[in-house]
Protein backbone atom coordinates (compact mmCIF):
# COMPACT_ATOMS: atom_id res chain seq x y z
CA MET A 1 -9.27 3.32 7.24
CA LEU A 2 -12.95 2.35 6.87
CA VAL A 3 -13.34 1.53 3.10
CA PHE A 4 -16.80 1.26 1.47
CA ASP A 5 -17.79 1.08 -2.12
CA LEU A 6 -21.02 1.21 -4.54
CA PRO A 7 -20.72 -1.86 -6.83
CA SER A 8 -21.89 0.19 -9.78
CA PHE A 9 -19.10 2.90 -9.32
CA PRO A 10 -15.28 2.01 -10.15
CA TYR A 11 -14.14 3.95 -6.93
CA VAL A 12 -13.62 3.18 -3.21
CA PHE A 13 -14.54 5.42 -0.34
CA LYS A 14 -12.01 5.65 2.57
CA VAL A 15 -12.62 7.35 5.90
CA ILE A 16 -9.93 7.57 8.55
CA LYS A 17 -11.19 5.90 11.83
CA ASP A 18 -11.49 7.82 15.17
CA PHE A 19 -9.24 5.35 16.97
CA TYR A 20 -6.53 2.81 16.09
CA PRO A 21 -6.01 -0.45 18.04
CA PRO A 22 -2.49 -1.40 18.91
CA PRO A 23 0.35 -1.52 17.63
CA LYS A 24 -0.94 1.55 15.76
CA ASP A 25 0.48 4.83 16.98
CA THR A 26 -0.91 7.45 15.00
CA SER A 27 -3.57 10.34 14.82
CA ARG A 28 -6.05 11.70 12.16
CA GLU A 29 -3.79 14.35 11.48
CA GLN A 30 -0.87 12.36 10.87
CA ILE A 31 -2.56 10.15 8.56
CA LYS A 32 -3.84 13.15 6.80
CA GLY A 33 -0.43 14.34 6.49
CA LYS A 34 0.86 11.09 4.91
CA TYR A 35 -1.84 11.57 2.22
CA LEU A 36 -0.75 15.04 1.66
CA LEU A 37 2.81 13.82 0.98
CA VAL A 38 1.76 11.37 -1.59
CA LYS A 39 -0.40 13.92 -3.19
CA GLN A 40 2.48 16.61 -3.62
CA HIS A 41 5.14 13.61 -4.46
CA ASP A 42 5.93 12.06 -7.72
CA ARG A 43 3.84 8.79 -7.66
CA VAL A 44 5.71 7.00 -10.43
CA GLY A 45 2.86 5.16 -11.44
CA ARG A 46 2.94 3.04 -8.31
CA MET A 47 0.82 4.99 -5.88
CA ALA A 48 -2.80 5.32 -6.00
CA ASP A 49 -4.28 8.84 -6.75
CA THR A 50 -6.66 9.96 -4.40
CA GLN A 51 -9.41 12.49 -4.55
CA GLU A 52 -10.16 14.47 -1.09
CA TYR A 53 -13.71 15.76 -0.18
CA SER A 54 -15.56 17.14 2.76
CA GLU A 55 -19.03 17.18 3.69
CA VAL A 56 -20.06 14.74 1.16
CA GLY A 57 -23.81 14.01 1.15
CA PHE A 58 -25.58 10.64 0.06
CA PRO A 59 -29.06 9.60 -0.11
CA ARG A 60 -29.67 7.53 3.21
CA GLU A 61 -31.19 4.75 1.15
CA ARG A 62 -28.00 4.02 -0.69
CA PHE A 63 -26.46 2.72 2.57
CA ASP A 64 -26.78 -0.60 4.26
CA ASP A 65 -27.66 -0.62 7.99
CA GLU A 66 -24.46 -2.62 8.59
CA LEU A 67 -22.17 -0.23 6.82
CA ILE A 68 -23.86 2.87 9.01
CA ALA A 69 -23.26 0.70 12.19
CA GLU A 70 -19.61 0.20 11.26
CA ILE A 71 -19.09 3.99 10.54
CA GLN A 72 -20.89 4.68 13.84
CA LYS A 73 -18.55 2.19 15.77
CA PHE A 74 -15.39 3.24 14.34
CA ALA A 75 -15.67 6.88 12.78
CA PRO A 76 -18.62 8.65 14.69
CA SER A 77 -17.00 11.99 14.22
CA GLN A 78 -17.06 11.63 10.40
CA LEU A 79 -20.85 10.71 10.19
CA GLU A 80 -24.12 12.59 10.28
CA ILE A 81 -27.53 11.74 9.21
CA SER A 82 -29.61 14.53 8.78
CA ASP A 83 -32.09 16.29 6.44
CA ARG A 84 -29.75 19.33 6.13
CA ASP A 85 -31.53 20.97 3.16
CA GLY A 86 -35.01 20.74 5.02
CA ASP A 87 -36.63 19.18 1.92
CA GLY A 88 -37.40 15.85 3.78
CA LYS A 89 -34.55 13.95 2.02
CA VAL A 90 -32.38 12.32 4.85
CA GLU A 91 -28.61 12.30 3.79
CA VAL A 92 -25.55 10.60 4.99
CA ILE A 93 -23.07 13.18 5.35
CA ILE A 94 -19.35 12.08 5.50
CA LYS A 95 -17.19 14.87 6.81
CA HIS A 96 -14.16 14.00 5.21
CA VAL A 97 -13.30 11.17 2.61
CA TYR A 98 -10.81 9.98 0.07
CA ILE A 99 -11.78 8.40 -3.03
CA GLU A 100 -9.49 6.08 -5.10
CA ARG A 101 -10.16 3.97 -8.10
CA ARG A 102 -11.18 0.52 -7.26
CA MET A 103 -8.42 -2.29 -7.60
CA ILE A 104 -8.01 -6.16 -6.68
CA PRO A 105 -6.19 -6.40 -3.55
CA LEU A 106 -2.92 -8.30 -4.13
CA ASN A 107 -3.55 -10.91 -1.57
CA ILE A 108 -6.92 -11.71 -3.07
CA TYR A 109 -5.49 -11.79 -6.60
CA LEU A 110 -2.93 -14.44 -5.40
CA GLN A 111 -5.65 -16.30 -3.48
CA GLU A 112 -7.48 -16.66 -6.76
CA ALA A 113 -4.30 -18.42 -8.28
CA PHE A 114 -4.02 -20.68 -5.42
CA ASP A 115 -7.67 -21.65 -5.49
CA ALA A 116 -7.49 -22.61 -9.05
CA GLY A 117 -4.57 -24.92 -8.38
CA LEU A 118 -0.74 -24.61 -8.75
CA GLU A 119 -0.88 -27.05 -11.51
CA GLU A 120 -2.63 -24.78 -13.76
CA PRO A 121 -0.36 -23.04 -16.09
CA GLU A 122 -2.46 -19.96 -15.88
CA SER A 123 -2.55 -19.93 -12.07
CA LYS A 124 1.48 -20.19 -12.31
CA ALA A 125 1.58 -17.30 -14.76
CA GLN A 126 -0.68 -15.14 -12.29
CA ILE A 127 1.63 -15.73 -9.37
CA GLU A 128 4.65 -15.08 -11.48
CA ARG A 129 3.20 -11.75 -12.84
CA ALA A 130 1.93 -10.64 -9.43
CA VAL A 131 5.12 -11.38 -7.32
CA THR A 132 7.28 -9.93 -9.94
CA GLU A 133 5.15 -6.87 -10.34
CA TYR A 134 4.85 -6.33 -6.36
CA GLY A 135 8.86 -6.28 -6.08
CA ASN A 136 9.08 -3.80 -9.13
CA ALA A 137 6.36 -1.45 -7.59
CA ILE A 138 8.61 -1.27 -4.38
CA LYS A 139 11.77 -0.83 -6.43
CA ASP A 140 10.04 2.03 -8.27
CA LEU A 141 8.83 3.73 -4.95
CA VAL A 142 12.33 3.23 -3.52
CA ALA A 143 13.68 5.17 -6.78
CA ALA A 144 11.16 8.01 -5.74
CA ASN A 145 12.58 8.15 -2.16
CA ILE A 146 9.27 6.42 -0.71
CA PHE A 147 9.18 3.54 1.79
CA PRO A 148 5.83 2.06 2.10
CA GLY A 149 5.85 1.21 5.62
CA ASP A 150 3.63 -1.89 5.62
CA MET A 151 4.57 -4.03 2.93
CA LEU A 152 1.81 -6.70 3.31
CA TRP A 153 0.07 -7.86 0.13
CA LYS A 154 -3.16 -6.53 1.20
CA ASN A 155 -1.80 -2.98 0.87
CA PHE A 156 -1.05 -3.39 -2.85
CA GLY A 157 -3.55 -3.80 -5.65
CA ILE A 158 -3.79 -4.94 -9.14
CA THR A 159 -5.25 -2.07 -11.50
CA ARG A 160 -7.48 -2.73 -14.55
CA HIS A 161 -4.17 -2.80 -16.71
CA GLY A 162 -2.63 -5.63 -14.68
CA LYS A 163 -0.10 -3.17 -12.91
CA VAL A 164 0.51 -3.34 -9.06
CA VAL A 165 0.01 -0.12 -7.09
CA PHE A 166 0.43 0.83 -3.52
CA TYR A 167 -2.69 2.44 -1.81
CA ASP A 168 -2.18 2.18 1.88
CA TYR A 169 -0.06 5.24 3.21
CA ASP A 170 -0.62 5.39 6.81
CA GLU A 171 3.06 4.22 7.57
CA ILE A 172 4.87 5.48 4.41
CA GLU A 173 7.92 7.36 5.11
CA TYR A 174 10.76 8.96 3.04
CA ILE A 175 13.71 6.32 2.45
CA THR A 176 16.28 9.08 3.69
CA ASP A 177 14.44 9.11 6.98
CA CYS A 178 14.60 5.52 7.78
CA ASN A 179 17.35 3.69 9.42
CA PHE A 180 18.03 0.35 7.76
CA ARG A 181 19.65 -2.28 9.84
CA ARG A 182 20.68 -5.91 9.96
CA VAL A 183 19.51 -8.15 12.92
CA PRO A 184 22.45 -8.10 15.25
CA GLN A 185 24.00 -11.78 15.84
CA PRO A 186 23.08 -12.98 19.32
CA ARG A 187 25.74 -12.70 21.79
CA ASN A 188 24.75 -15.74 23.94
CA GLU A 189 22.29 -18.75 23.74
CA GLU A 190 19.70 -16.84 25.93
CA GLU A 191 19.53 -14.33 23.28
CA GLU A 192 19.39 -16.72 20.55
CA MET A 193 16.37 -18.64 21.99
CA SER A 194 14.53 -15.57 23.05
CA GLY A 195 10.96 -15.52 21.92
CA GLU A 196 11.18 -11.56 22.27
CA VAL A 197 13.24 -8.93 20.41
CA TRP A 198 16.36 -8.51 22.54
CA TYR A 199 18.29 -5.82 20.74
CA SER A 200 17.01 -2.08 20.85
CA VAL A 201 14.49 -0.83 17.91
CA GLY A 202 14.16 2.75 17.20
CA PRO A 203 10.99 4.34 15.70
CA LYS A 204 12.68 4.66 12.36
CA ASP A 205 14.54 1.48 12.28
CA VAL A 206 13.96 -1.10 9.56
CA PHE A 207 15.05 -4.65 9.47
CA PRO A 208 14.53 -5.91 5.75
CA GLU A 209 15.55 -9.35 6.52
CA THR A 210 12.56 -9.72 8.67
CA PHE A 211 10.10 -9.06 5.84
CA ALA A 212 10.44 -12.65 4.51
CA PRO A 213 8.43 -14.29 7.48
CA PHE A 214 5.33 -11.88 6.97
CA LEU A 215 5.49 -11.98 3.03
CA LEU A 216 7.05 -15.28 1.63
CA GLY A 217 5.13 -18.16 3.62
CA ASN A 218 3.89 -19.58 0.44
CA ASN A 219 6.53 -21.53 -1.32
CA ALA A 220 5.30 -20.79 -5.03
CA VAL A 221 5.45 -17.07 -3.94
CA ARG A 222 8.79 -17.35 -2.18
CA ASP A 223 10.36 -19.20 -5.28
CA VAL A 224 9.23 -16.16 -7.65
CA PHE A 225 10.49 -13.27 -5.10
CA MET A 226 13.63 -14.96 -4.36
CA ARG A 227 14.41 -15.30 -8.15
CA HIS A 228 13.38 -11.61 -8.80
CA HIS A 229 13.68 -9.66 -5.65
CA ALA A 230 15.78 -11.23 -3.08
CA ASP A 231 17.81 -7.84 -2.82
CA LEU A 232 14.71 -6.21 -1.10
CA LEU A 233 15.58 -8.52 1.97
CA ASP A 234 19.13 -7.04 2.24
CA ALA A 235 19.71 -3.84 4.32
CA SER A 236 22.79 -2.90 1.54
CA PHE A 237 20.13 -2.62 -1.10
CA TRP A 238 18.22 0.08 0.83
CA GLU A 239 21.19 1.74 2.11
CA ALA A 240 22.85 2.07 -1.40
CA HIS A 241 19.49 3.92 -2.69
CA GLN A 242 19.78 6.28 0.66
CA ASP A 243 23.31 7.18 -0.54
CA ARG A 244 22.45 7.69 -4.17
CA ILE A 245 19.34 9.90 -3.04
CA ARG A 246 21.65 12.11 -0.82
CA GLU A 247 24.10 12.61 -3.25
CA GLY A 248 21.50 13.84 -5.85
CA HIS A 249 21.36 10.92 -8.18
CA VAL A 250 17.89 10.58 -9.82
CA TYR A 251 16.58 7.48 -11.39
CA ASP A 252 14.24 7.65 -14.23
CA VAL A 253 11.07 5.63 -13.74
CA PHE A 254 8.65 5.27 -16.39
CA PRO A 255 5.13 4.94 -15.35
CA TYR A 256 3.92 2.96 -18.56
CA ASP A 257 5.16 -0.09 -19.94
CA PRO A 258 7.20 0.06 -23.06
CA GLU A 259 4.41 -1.07 -25.18
CA ARG A 260 2.39 1.79 -24.06
CA ARG A 261 4.64 4.66 -24.28
CA PHE A 262 5.06 7.09 -27.23
CA SER A 263 8.29 6.63 -28.86
CA LEU A 264 10.25 8.50 -31.49
CA LYS A 265 10.04 7.10 -34.98
CA LEU A 266 12.84 8.21 -37.18
CA PRO A 267 12.29 8.70 -40.95
CA GLU A 268 13.59 5.75 -43.05
CA ALA A 269 16.80 6.48 -44.83
């Protein structure tokens, strides 16, 4: 996706690129299908709502030249610059765009805490809250039969209410369509020392134990994650939820924190 925003507007605009560098193997129609899946699915308060529009016109003067050049480079099929109404006002016309509420990307939120210094109590509390919420977001998605696919911090954001929400749907899948596996034990020293994957990997195969090197490089983050969400690195966690979903058991997921929910107040005796 190409993403741009207007500083005075609390939303971002997302445009599907025309081409995708390796190892991405997808298409415009596949990505649109992923966004449609989310639109029609229970988002359990953990997936950003998107509004989809076509042929959206903006005044040309509202766009930086650098942004126009970026769209022309990566999504030329989605861009038209013209005076379509014949009134002398040149417009930038985006052929297809998604609009989502702006959030703070989780990797930036964490970096702000690191920059402030880990010796600061507020920084420690910020990391604890963000990492714990990140794991809670993934588990809520799992409860709704959703595998995020790309679980990097940058694909999650912090809302204005402090909740972690997933917003990158390019590689999203149903949990029940995935094949969760454990990394096989090497059969010999050559396999153990190999710099390449020496075992077969199918298109739907997922190895949860391999999440750690990509997610937990920072010791402060790793400490919080392992205290609260170490089970996400175990294939048995994912397999258990596959079995639950296939057997028809539904978990209740409450989108709002307890202090924000309506509750029944019984009359006093």
